[in-house]
Amino acid sequence: MKPFKIFIAAMIVASLIMLTFAPTEAIAEPPSFKDYQVVEVRPFEALAASESVGREIADEIVYQIRRYNVKYNLFDMVIMEGKQEVPPDKRALLVKGTITALGKVVLDKGILGYSYEDSYAVLCQCVDKANNQVLYETEANGMFSWVGNKIAKDIYRYKKEKK
């Protein structure tokens, strides 16, 4: 019975490793955000959570993009939709998305039991605001900061990418 349990555990670990490295983007040519001077983030639609969660995730994405922006000077403006007007002479990249699932992540097992944090599955799109063309689409899973950092990192990567 013990070898069977070890086999099952090994199969589960192998499956998780394969899922971790599976690509989530199905775009043949990587997008380029070089021509965009402004990033505008729209509060996410919350199919699996309350509306305030969609706003909080959008705030986290703005925060994470601004972190990259301070360090690498990527954009002229990084704003939340509706807070400021985008100057007419600037091209805007609109970040929008949907919260598709809500769950819990076990952070730690302490003396008093387990501590949990909310986890989110998000489908995110980067869209040219002028013509509403979808340039990039990705999925991000995890806590607020993980989701925000993953999306900000992708935007940084496609802004700095040399073609």
N, C-alpha and C. Protein backbone atom coordinates (compact mmCIF):
# COMPACT_ATOMS: atom_id res chain seq x y z
N MET A 1 0.81 -1.19 0.00
CA MET A 1 0.00 0.00 0.00
C MET A 1 0.86 1.26 0.00
N LYS A 2 2.03 1.20 0.68
CA LYS A 2 2.90 2.36 0.77
C LYS A 2 3.45 2.77 -0.60
N PRO A 3 3.92 1.84 -1.47
CA PRO A 3 4.39 2.25 -2.80
C PRO A 3 3.29 2.93 -3.62
N PHE A 4 2.06 2.49 -3.45
CA PHE A 4 0.95 3.10 -4.18
C PHE A 4 0.75 4.56 -3.75
N LYS A 5 0.84 4.83 -2.45
CA LYS A 5 0.70 6.20 -1.95
C LYS A 5 1.84 7.07 -2.46
N ILE A 6 3.05 6.54 -2.52
CA ILE A 6 4.19 7.30 -3.03
C ILE A 6 4.00 7.58 -4.51
N PHE A 7 3.50 6.61 -5.26
CA PHE A 7 3.23 6.79 -6.68
C PHE A 7 2.20 7.90 -6.90
N ILE A 8 1.11 7.87 -6.14
CA ILE A 8 0.06 8.88 -6.27
C ILE A 8 0.63 10.27 -5.94
N ALA A 9 1.39 10.38 -4.87
CA ALA A 9 1.99 11.66 -4.48
C ALA A 9 2.93 12.16 -5.57
N ALA A 10 3.72 11.28 -6.16
CA ALA A 10 4.64 11.67 -7.23
C ALA A 10 3.87 12.15 -8.46
N MET A 11 2.77 11.48 -8.79
CA MET A 11 1.95 11.90 -9.93
C MET A 11 1.33 13.27 -9.70
N ILE A 12 0.88 13.54 -8.49
CA ILE A 12 0.30 14.85 -8.17
C ILE A 12 1.36 15.94 -8.29
N VAL A 13 2.54 15.70 -7.75
CA VAL A 13 3.63 16.68 -7.83
C VAL A 13 4.01 16.92 -9.30
N ALA A 14 4.13 15.85 -10.09
CA ALA A 14 4.48 16.00 -11.50
C ALA A 14 3.40 16.80 -12.25
N SER A 15 2.13 16.54 -11.94
CA SER A 15 1.04 17.28 -12.58
C SER A 15 1.10 18.75 -12.23
N LEU A 16 1.35 19.08 -10.97
CA LEU A 16 1.44 20.47 -10.55
C LEU A 16 2.61 21.18 -11.23
N ILE A 17 3.73 20.49 -11.37
CA ILE A 17 4.89 21.09 -12.04
C ILE A 17 4.56 21.36 -13.51
N MET A 18 3.89 20.43 -14.16
CA MET A 18 3.52 20.62 -15.57
C MET A 18 2.55 21.78 -15.72
N LEU A 19 1.59 21.91 -14.82
CA LEU A 19 0.63 23.02 -14.89
C LEU A 19 1.31 24.36 -14.64
N THR A 20 2.31 24.37 -13.78
CA THR A 20 3.02 25.61 -13.47
C THR A 20 3.73 26.15 -14.70
N PHE A 21 4.30 25.28 -15.51
CA PHE A 21 5.07 25.72 -16.66
C PHE A 21 4.27 25.73 -17.96
N ALA A 22 3.00 25.44 -17.90
CA ALA A 22 2.16 25.47 -19.10
C ALA A 22 1.91 26.91 -19.51
N PRO A 23 2.04 27.23 -20.78
CA PRO A 23 1.81 28.61 -21.23
C PRO A 23 0.33 28.98 -21.12
N THR A 24 0.06 30.23 -20.72
CA THR A 24 -1.33 30.68 -20.64
C THR A 24 -1.68 31.60 -21.79
N GLU A 25 -0.69 32.12 -22.50
CA GLU A 25 -0.96 33.00 -23.62
C GLU A 25 -0.96 32.18 -24.90
N ALA A 26 -1.90 32.49 -25.78
CA ALA A 26 -2.00 31.78 -27.05
C ALA A 26 -1.83 32.76 -28.21
N ILE A 27 -0.91 33.69 -28.09
CA ILE A 27 -0.67 34.69 -29.11
C ILE A 27 0.64 34.34 -29.81
N ALA A 28 0.63 34.29 -31.13
CA ALA A 28 1.81 33.88 -31.88
C ALA A 28 2.93 34.92 -31.77
N GLU A 29 2.61 36.17 -32.01
CA GLU A 29 3.62 37.22 -31.96
C GLU A 29 3.40 38.04 -30.70
N PRO A 30 4.46 38.27 -29.91
CA PRO A 30 4.26 39.05 -28.69
C PRO A 30 3.88 40.50 -29.02
N PRO A 31 3.01 41.08 -28.21
CA PRO A 31 2.59 42.46 -28.47
C PRO A 31 3.70 43.44 -28.10
N SER A 32 3.56 44.64 -28.57
CA SER A 32 4.50 45.69 -28.20
C SER A 32 3.70 46.88 -27.69
N PHE A 33 4.10 47.37 -26.51
CA PHE A 33 3.44 48.53 -25.92
C PHE A 33 4.31 49.78 -26.04
N LYS A 34 5.31 49.76 -26.93
CA LYS A 34 6.26 50.86 -27.05
C LYS A 34 5.60 52.19 -27.42
N ASP A 35 4.54 52.15 -28.21
CA ASP A 35 3.91 53.38 -28.71
C ASP A 35 2.94 54.01 -27.72
N TYR A 36 2.77 53.43 -26.56
CA TYR A 36 1.79 53.93 -25.59
C TYR A 36 2.48 54.77 -24.52
N GLN A 37 1.89 55.94 -24.23
CA GLN A 37 2.44 56.84 -23.23
C GLN A 37 1.64 56.82 -21.93
N VAL A 38 0.42 56.28 -21.97
CA VAL A 38 -0.46 56.29 -20.82
C VAL A 38 -1.02 54.89 -20.60
N VAL A 39 -1.09 54.47 -19.32
CA VAL A 39 -1.79 53.24 -18.95
C VAL A 39 -2.97 53.65 -18.09
N GLU A 40 -4.13 53.20 -18.50
CA GLU A 40 -5.36 53.48 -17.75
C GLU A 40 -5.95 52.14 -17.33
N VAL A 41 -6.25 52.01 -16.04
CA VAL A 41 -6.75 50.74 -15.51
C VAL A 41 -8.22 50.91 -15.13
N ARG A 42 -9.05 50.04 -15.67
CA ARG A 42 -10.49 50.05 -15.37
C ARG A 42 -10.75 49.06 -14.23
N PRO A 43 -11.62 49.42 -13.28
CA PRO A 43 -11.97 48.45 -12.23
C PRO A 43 -12.49 47.15 -12.85
N PHE A 44 -12.03 46.04 -12.31
CA PHE A 44 -12.36 44.74 -12.90
C PHE A 44 -13.79 44.36 -12.60
N GLU A 45 -14.41 43.64 -13.54
CA GLU A 45 -15.74 43.08 -13.31
C GLU A 45 -15.59 41.92 -12.34
N ALA A 46 -16.51 41.83 -11.41
CA ALA A 46 -16.41 40.78 -10.38
C ALA A 46 -17.54 39.78 -10.57
N LEU A 47 -17.26 38.71 -11.30
CA LEU A 47 -18.25 37.65 -11.48
C LEU A 47 -18.31 36.74 -10.27
N ALA A 48 -17.16 36.57 -9.60
CA ALA A 48 -17.07 35.61 -8.50
C ALA A 48 -16.82 36.29 -7.16
N ALA A 49 -16.94 37.61 -7.10
CA ALA A 49 -16.66 38.34 -5.86
C ALA A 49 -17.47 39.63 -5.85
N SER A 50 -17.34 40.40 -4.78
CA SER A 50 -18.08 41.66 -4.69
C SER A 50 -17.44 42.72 -5.59
N GLU A 51 -18.19 43.74 -5.93
CA GLU A 51 -17.69 44.82 -6.80
C GLU A 51 -16.48 45.53 -6.20
N SER A 52 -16.42 45.64 -4.88
CA SER A 52 -15.29 46.32 -4.25
C SER A 52 -13.98 45.57 -4.50
N VAL A 53 -14.06 44.25 -4.65
CA VAL A 53 -12.86 43.47 -4.92
C VAL A 53 -12.30 43.83 -6.29
N GLY A 54 -13.16 44.04 -7.27
CA GLY A 54 -12.71 44.45 -8.60
C GLY A 54 -11.98 45.78 -8.56
N ARG A 55 -12.46 46.69 -7.73
CA ARG A 55 -11.82 47.99 -7.57
C ARG A 55 -10.46 47.84 -6.86
N GLU A 56 -10.41 46.98 -5.84
CA GLU A 56 -9.16 46.77 -5.10
C GLU A 56 -8.08 46.14 -5.98
N ILE A 57 -8.46 45.19 -6.83
CA ILE A 57 -7.48 44.58 -7.73
C ILE A 57 -6.98 45.62 -8.73
N ALA A 58 -7.86 46.46 -9.24
CA ALA A 58 -7.43 47.52 -10.16
C ALA A 58 -6.48 48.49 -9.46
N ASP A 59 -6.77 48.84 -8.21
CA ASP A 59 -5.87 49.71 -7.44
C ASP A 59 -4.50 49.07 -7.27
N GLU A 60 -4.47 47.77 -7.02
CA GLU A 60 -3.20 47.06 -6.86
C GLU A 60 -2.42 47.04 -8.17
N ILE A 61 -3.11 46.87 -9.28
CA ILE A 61 -2.44 46.88 -10.59
C ILE A 61 -1.84 48.26 -10.86
N VAL A 62 -2.60 49.32 -10.56
CA VAL A 62 -2.07 50.68 -10.73
C VAL A 62 -0.83 50.86 -9.86
N TYR A 63 -0.89 50.41 -8.62
CA TYR A 63 0.25 50.53 -7.72
C TYR A 63 1.47 49.80 -8.27
N GLN A 64 1.29 48.57 -8.74
CA GLN A 64 2.41 47.78 -9.24
C GLN A 64 2.99 48.37 -10.53
N ILE A 65 2.14 48.85 -11.43
CA ILE A 65 2.65 49.48 -12.66
C ILE A 65 3.42 50.75 -12.32
N ARG A 66 2.93 51.51 -11.35
CA ARG A 66 3.65 52.73 -10.93
C ARG A 66 5.01 52.39 -10.33
N ARG A 67 5.10 51.27 -9.61
CA ARG A 67 6.41 50.84 -9.08
C ARG A 67 7.40 50.63 -10.22
N TYR A 68 6.97 49.90 -11.24
CA TYR A 68 7.84 49.68 -12.40
C TYR A 68 8.11 51.01 -13.12
N ASN A 69 7.11 51.86 -13.17
CA ASN A 69 7.25 53.14 -13.88
C ASN A 69 8.28 54.04 -13.21
N VAL A 70 8.30 54.07 -11.89
CA VAL A 70 9.29 54.87 -11.17
C VAL A 70 10.70 54.36 -11.46
N LYS A 71 10.85 53.06 -11.48
CA LYS A 71 12.17 52.47 -11.67
C LYS A 71 12.66 52.55 -13.12
N TYR A 72 11.77 52.33 -14.09
CA TYR A 72 12.18 52.21 -15.48
C TYR A 72 11.65 53.31 -16.40
N ASN A 73 10.87 54.24 -15.88
CA ASN A 73 10.33 55.37 -16.66
C ASN A 73 9.65 54.86 -17.94
N LEU A 74 8.60 54.08 -17.77
CA LEU A 74 7.93 53.44 -18.89
C LEU A 74 6.87 54.32 -19.54
N PHE A 75 6.07 55.02 -18.72
CA PHE A 75 4.91 55.76 -19.22
C PHE A 75 4.90 57.18 -18.66
N ASP A 76 4.19 58.06 -19.35
CA ASP A 76 4.01 59.43 -18.87
C ASP A 76 2.99 59.48 -17.73
N MET A 77 1.97 58.62 -17.83
CA MET A 77 0.90 58.59 -16.82
C MET A 77 0.47 57.15 -16.57
N VAL A 78 0.15 56.84 -15.33
CA VAL A 78 -0.48 55.57 -14.95
C VAL A 78 -1.65 55.96 -14.07
N ILE A 79 -2.87 55.74 -14.56
CA ILE A 79 -4.05 56.27 -13.87
C ILE A 79 -5.16 55.22 -13.79
N MET A 80 -6.06 55.47 -12.86
CA MET A 80 -7.29 54.70 -12.76
C MET A 80 -8.33 55.36 -13.67
N GLU A 81 -9.10 54.57 -14.37
CA GLU A 81 -10.08 55.12 -15.29
C GLU A 81 -11.06 56.03 -14.55
N GLY A 82 -11.28 57.20 -15.11
CA GLY A 82 -12.22 58.15 -14.54
C GLY A 82 -11.60 59.15 -13.56
N LYS A 83 -10.38 58.94 -13.12
CA LYS A 83 -9.73 59.84 -12.16
C LYS A 83 -9.14 61.07 -12.86
N GLN A 84 -8.60 60.86 -14.06
CA GLN A 84 -7.98 61.94 -14.83
C GLN A 84 -8.32 61.73 -16.30
N GLU A 85 -8.26 62.81 -17.05
CA GLU A 85 -8.45 62.72 -18.49
C GLU A 85 -7.13 62.38 -19.15
N VAL A 86 -7.18 61.54 -20.16
CA VAL A 86 -5.99 61.22 -20.94
C VAL A 86 -5.82 62.34 -21.96
N PRO A 87 -4.64 62.96 -22.02
CA PRO A 87 -4.42 64.01 -23.02
C PRO A 87 -4.67 63.47 -24.43
N PRO A 88 -5.27 64.29 -25.30
CA PRO A 88 -5.63 63.80 -26.64
C PRO A 88 -4.43 63.43 -27.51
N ASP A 89 -3.26 63.97 -27.21
CA ASP A 89 -2.07 63.67 -28.02
C ASP A 89 -1.33 62.42 -27.53
N LYS A 90 -1.83 61.73 -26.53
CA LYS A 90 -1.18 60.54 -25.96
C LYS A 90 -1.97 59.29 -26.32
N ARG A 91 -1.25 58.21 -26.62
CA ARG A 91 -1.90 56.91 -26.85
C ARG A 91 -2.07 56.21 -25.51
N ALA A 92 -3.26 55.68 -25.29
CA ALA A 92 -3.57 55.05 -24.01
C ALA A 92 -3.75 53.55 -24.17
N LEU A 93 -3.16 52.82 -23.23
CA LEU A 93 -3.33 51.38 -23.11
C LEU A 93 -4.32 51.16 -21.96
N LEU A 94 -5.45 50.54 -22.26
CA LEU A 94 -6.47 50.28 -21.25
C LEU A 94 -6.31 48.86 -20.72
N VAL A 95 -6.21 48.73 -19.40
CA VAL A 95 -6.11 47.42 -18.75
C VAL A 95 -7.46 47.15 -18.10
N LYS A 96 -8.09 46.07 -18.52
CA LYS A 96 -9.40 45.72 -17.97
C LYS A 96 -9.47 44.22 -17.79
N GLY A 97 -10.44 43.77 -17.01
CA GLY A 97 -10.51 42.33 -16.80
C GLY A 97 -11.70 41.90 -15.99
N THR A 98 -11.70 40.62 -15.69
CA THR A 98 -12.80 39.98 -14.97
C THR A 98 -12.23 39.05 -13.92
N ILE A 99 -12.81 39.09 -12.72
CA ILE A 99 -12.46 38.14 -11.67
C ILE A 99 -13.33 36.92 -11.91
N THR A 100 -12.69 35.80 -12.26
CA THR A 100 -13.45 34.61 -12.65
C THR A 100 -13.63 33.60 -11.52
N ALA A 101 -12.78 33.66 -10.49
CA ALA A 101 -12.91 32.71 -9.39
C ALA A 101 -12.34 33.31 -8.11
N LEU A 102 -12.84 32.84 -7.00
CA LEU A 102 -12.41 33.28 -5.67
C LEU A 102 -12.10 32.04 -4.86
N GLY A 103 -11.00 32.08 -4.11
CA GLY A 103 -10.63 30.94 -3.29
C GLY A 103 -9.84 31.38 -2.08
N LYS A 104 -9.23 30.43 -1.41
CA LYS A 104 -8.40 30.70 -0.23
C LYS A 104 -7.04 30.06 -0.43
N VAL A 105 -6.01 30.75 0.06
CA VAL A 105 -4.65 30.23 0.05
C VAL A 105 -4.22 30.06 1.50
N VAL A 106 -3.67 28.89 1.83
CA VAL A 106 -3.16 28.66 3.18
C VAL A 106 -1.77 29.29 3.25
N LEU A 107 -1.62 30.27 4.14
CA LEU A 107 -0.34 30.96 4.28
C LEU A 107 0.57 30.29 5.29
N ASP A 108 -0.01 29.88 6.42
CA ASP A 108 0.83 29.38 7.50
C ASP A 108 -0.01 28.55 8.45
N LYS A 109 0.62 27.57 9.07
CA LYS A 109 -0.04 26.82 10.14
C LYS A 109 0.63 27.24 11.44
N GLY A 110 -0.10 28.01 12.20
CA GLY A 110 0.44 28.49 13.46
C GLY A 110 -0.12 27.71 14.63
N ILE A 111 0.12 28.23 15.80
CA ILE A 111 -0.34 27.60 17.04
C ILE A 111 -1.87 27.57 17.08
N LEU A 112 -2.49 28.64 16.60
CA LEU A 112 -3.94 28.74 16.65
C LEU A 112 -4.63 28.13 15.43
N GLY A 113 -3.89 27.54 14.56
CA GLY A 113 -4.48 26.93 13.36
C GLY A 113 -3.91 27.56 12.10
N TYR A 114 -4.61 27.36 11.02
CA TYR A 114 -4.16 27.85 9.72
C TYR A 114 -4.53 29.32 9.53
N SER A 115 -3.69 30.05 8.80
CA SER A 115 -4.06 31.41 8.40
C SER A 115 -4.29 31.40 6.89
N TYR A 116 -5.33 32.05 6.48
CA TYR A 116 -5.75 32.04 5.08
C TYR A 116 -5.72 33.44 4.50
N GLU A 117 -5.58 33.50 3.20
CA GLU A 117 -5.66 34.75 2.45
C GLU A 117 -6.54 34.48 1.23
N ASP A 118 -7.32 35.47 0.84
CA ASP A 118 -8.15 35.31 -0.35
C ASP A 118 -7.28 35.17 -1.58
N SER A 119 -7.70 34.34 -2.50
CA SER A 119 -7.00 34.12 -3.76
C SER A 119 -7.98 34.36 -4.90
N TYR A 120 -7.48 34.91 -5.99
CA TYR A 120 -8.34 35.29 -7.10
C TYR A 120 -7.80 34.74 -8.41
N ALA A 121 -8.70 34.37 -9.29
CA ALA A 121 -8.35 34.04 -10.67
C ALA A 121 -8.89 35.19 -11.52
N VAL A 122 -8.00 35.79 -12.30
CA VAL A 122 -8.35 37.00 -13.06
C VAL A 122 -8.01 36.78 -14.52
N LEU A 123 -8.93 37.17 -15.39
CA LEU A 123 -8.68 37.22 -16.83
C LEU A 123 -8.50 38.69 -17.17
N CYS A 124 -7.33 39.04 -17.69
CA CYS A 124 -6.97 40.44 -17.92
C CYS A 124 -6.70 40.68 -19.41
N GLN A 125 -7.14 41.85 -19.89
CA GLN A 125 -6.88 42.25 -21.27
C GLN A 125 -6.22 43.62 -21.29
N CYS A 126 -5.25 43.77 -22.18
CA CYS A 126 -4.66 45.07 -22.48
C CYS A 126 -5.18 45.48 -23.85
N VAL A 127 -5.85 46.62 -23.90
CA VAL A 127 -6.59 47.04 -25.08
C VAL A 127 -6.12 48.42 -25.52
N ASP A 128 -6.03 48.64 -26.83
CA ASP A 128 -5.78 49.98 -27.35
C ASP A 128 -7.07 50.77 -27.12
N LYS A 129 -6.98 51.83 -26.33
CA LYS A 129 -8.19 52.56 -25.95
C LYS A 129 -8.86 53.25 -27.13
N ALA A 130 -8.09 53.68 -28.10
CA ALA A 130 -8.64 54.42 -29.23
C ALA A 130 -9.53 53.54 -30.12
N ASN A 131 -9.08 52.32 -30.42
CA ASN A 131 -9.86 51.49 -31.34
C ASN A 131 -10.40 50.21 -30.71
N ASN A 132 -10.20 50.03 -29.41
CA ASN A 132 -10.72 48.89 -28.65
C ASN A 132 -10.19 47.54 -29.14
N GLN A 133 -9.00 47.54 -29.72
CA GLN A 133 -8.37 46.31 -30.20
C GLN A 133 -7.64 45.64 -29.04
N VAL A 134 -7.90 44.35 -28.83
CA VAL A 134 -7.23 43.59 -27.78
C VAL A 134 -5.81 43.28 -28.24
N LEU A 135 -4.82 43.77 -27.48
CA LEU A 135 -3.41 43.56 -27.82
C LEU A 135 -2.82 42.37 -27.09
N TYR A 136 -3.32 42.14 -25.88
CA TYR A 136 -2.74 41.09 -25.04
C TYR A 136 -3.79 40.62 -24.06
N GLU A 137 -3.79 39.32 -23.81
CA GLU A 137 -4.74 38.73 -22.86
C GLU A 137 -3.98 37.71 -22.03
N THR A 138 -4.21 37.72 -20.73
CA THR A 138 -3.53 36.78 -19.85
C THR A 138 -4.42 36.42 -18.67
N GLU A 139 -4.04 35.35 -18.00
CA GLU A 139 -4.69 34.95 -16.77
C GLU A 139 -3.69 35.09 -15.63
N ALA A 140 -4.17 35.55 -14.50
CA ALA A 140 -3.32 35.67 -13.32
C ALA A 140 -4.08 35.07 -12.14
N ASN A 141 -3.36 34.34 -11.30
CA ASN A 141 -3.97 33.69 -10.14
C ASN A 141 -3.17 34.01 -8.90
N GLY A 142 -3.86 34.21 -7.79
CA GLY A 142 -3.18 34.42 -6.53
C GLY A 142 -3.81 35.55 -5.73
N MET A 143 -3.03 36.04 -4.77
CA MET A 143 -3.48 37.14 -3.93
C MET A 143 -3.37 38.46 -4.70
N PHE A 144 -3.91 39.54 -4.11
CA PHE A 144 -3.90 40.85 -4.78
C PHE A 144 -2.53 41.20 -5.33
N SER A 145 -1.52 41.13 -4.47
CA SER A 145 -0.19 41.58 -4.89
C SER A 145 0.38 40.70 -5.99
N TRP A 146 0.10 39.39 -5.96
CA TRP A 146 0.60 38.49 -7.01
C TRP A 146 -0.04 38.82 -8.35
N VAL A 147 -1.36 39.01 -8.32
CA VAL A 147 -2.08 39.32 -9.54
C VAL A 147 -1.59 40.65 -10.11
N GLY A 148 -1.51 41.67 -9.26
CA GLY A 148 -1.06 42.99 -9.72
C GLY A 148 0.36 42.96 -10.26
N ASN A 149 1.24 42.26 -9.57
CA ASN A 149 2.63 42.19 -10.01
C ASN A 149 2.78 41.42 -11.31
N LYS A 150 2.03 40.35 -11.49
CA LYS A 150 2.11 39.56 -12.72
C LYS A 150 1.70 40.42 -13.91
N ILE A 151 0.61 41.15 -13.77
CA ILE A 151 0.12 41.98 -14.88
C ILE A 151 1.09 43.13 -15.14
N ALA A 152 1.58 43.77 -14.08
CA ALA A 152 2.55 44.87 -14.24
C ALA A 152 3.84 44.37 -14.89
N LYS A 153 4.27 43.18 -14.51
CA LYS A 153 5.50 42.61 -15.08
C LYS A 153 5.33 42.32 -16.57
N ASP A 154 4.16 41.82 -16.96
CA ASP A 154 3.90 41.58 -18.38
C ASP A 154 3.89 42.89 -19.17
N ILE A 155 3.27 43.92 -18.61
CA ILE A 155 3.24 45.22 -19.29
C ILE A 155 4.66 45.77 -19.43
N TYR A 156 5.46 45.66 -18.37
CA TYR A 156 6.85 46.10 -18.43
C TYR A 156 7.60 45.33 -19.52
N ARG A 157 7.43 44.03 -19.54
CA ARG A 157 8.15 43.19 -20.51
C ARG A 157 7.82 43.59 -21.94
N TYR A 158 6.54 43.84 -22.24
CA TYR A 158 6.15 44.18 -23.60
C TYR A 158 6.39 45.65 -23.94
N LYS A 159 6.59 46.47 -22.95
CA LYS A 159 6.97 47.86 -23.21
C LYS A 159 8.45 47.95 -23.54
N LYS A 160 9.28 47.17 -22.84
CA LYS A 160 10.73 47.23 -23.01
C LYS A 160 11.26 46.28 -24.09
N GLU A 161 10.41 45.40 -24.59
CA GLU A 161 10.84 44.40 -25.55
C GLU A 161 11.40 45.05 -26.81
N LYS A 162 12.54 44.56 -27.25
CA LYS A 162 13.17 45.09 -28.46
C LYS A 162 12.70 44.27 -29.65
N LYS A 163 12.23 44.97 -30.68
CA LYS A 163 11.78 44.29 -31.90
C LYS A 163 12.74 44.54 -33.01
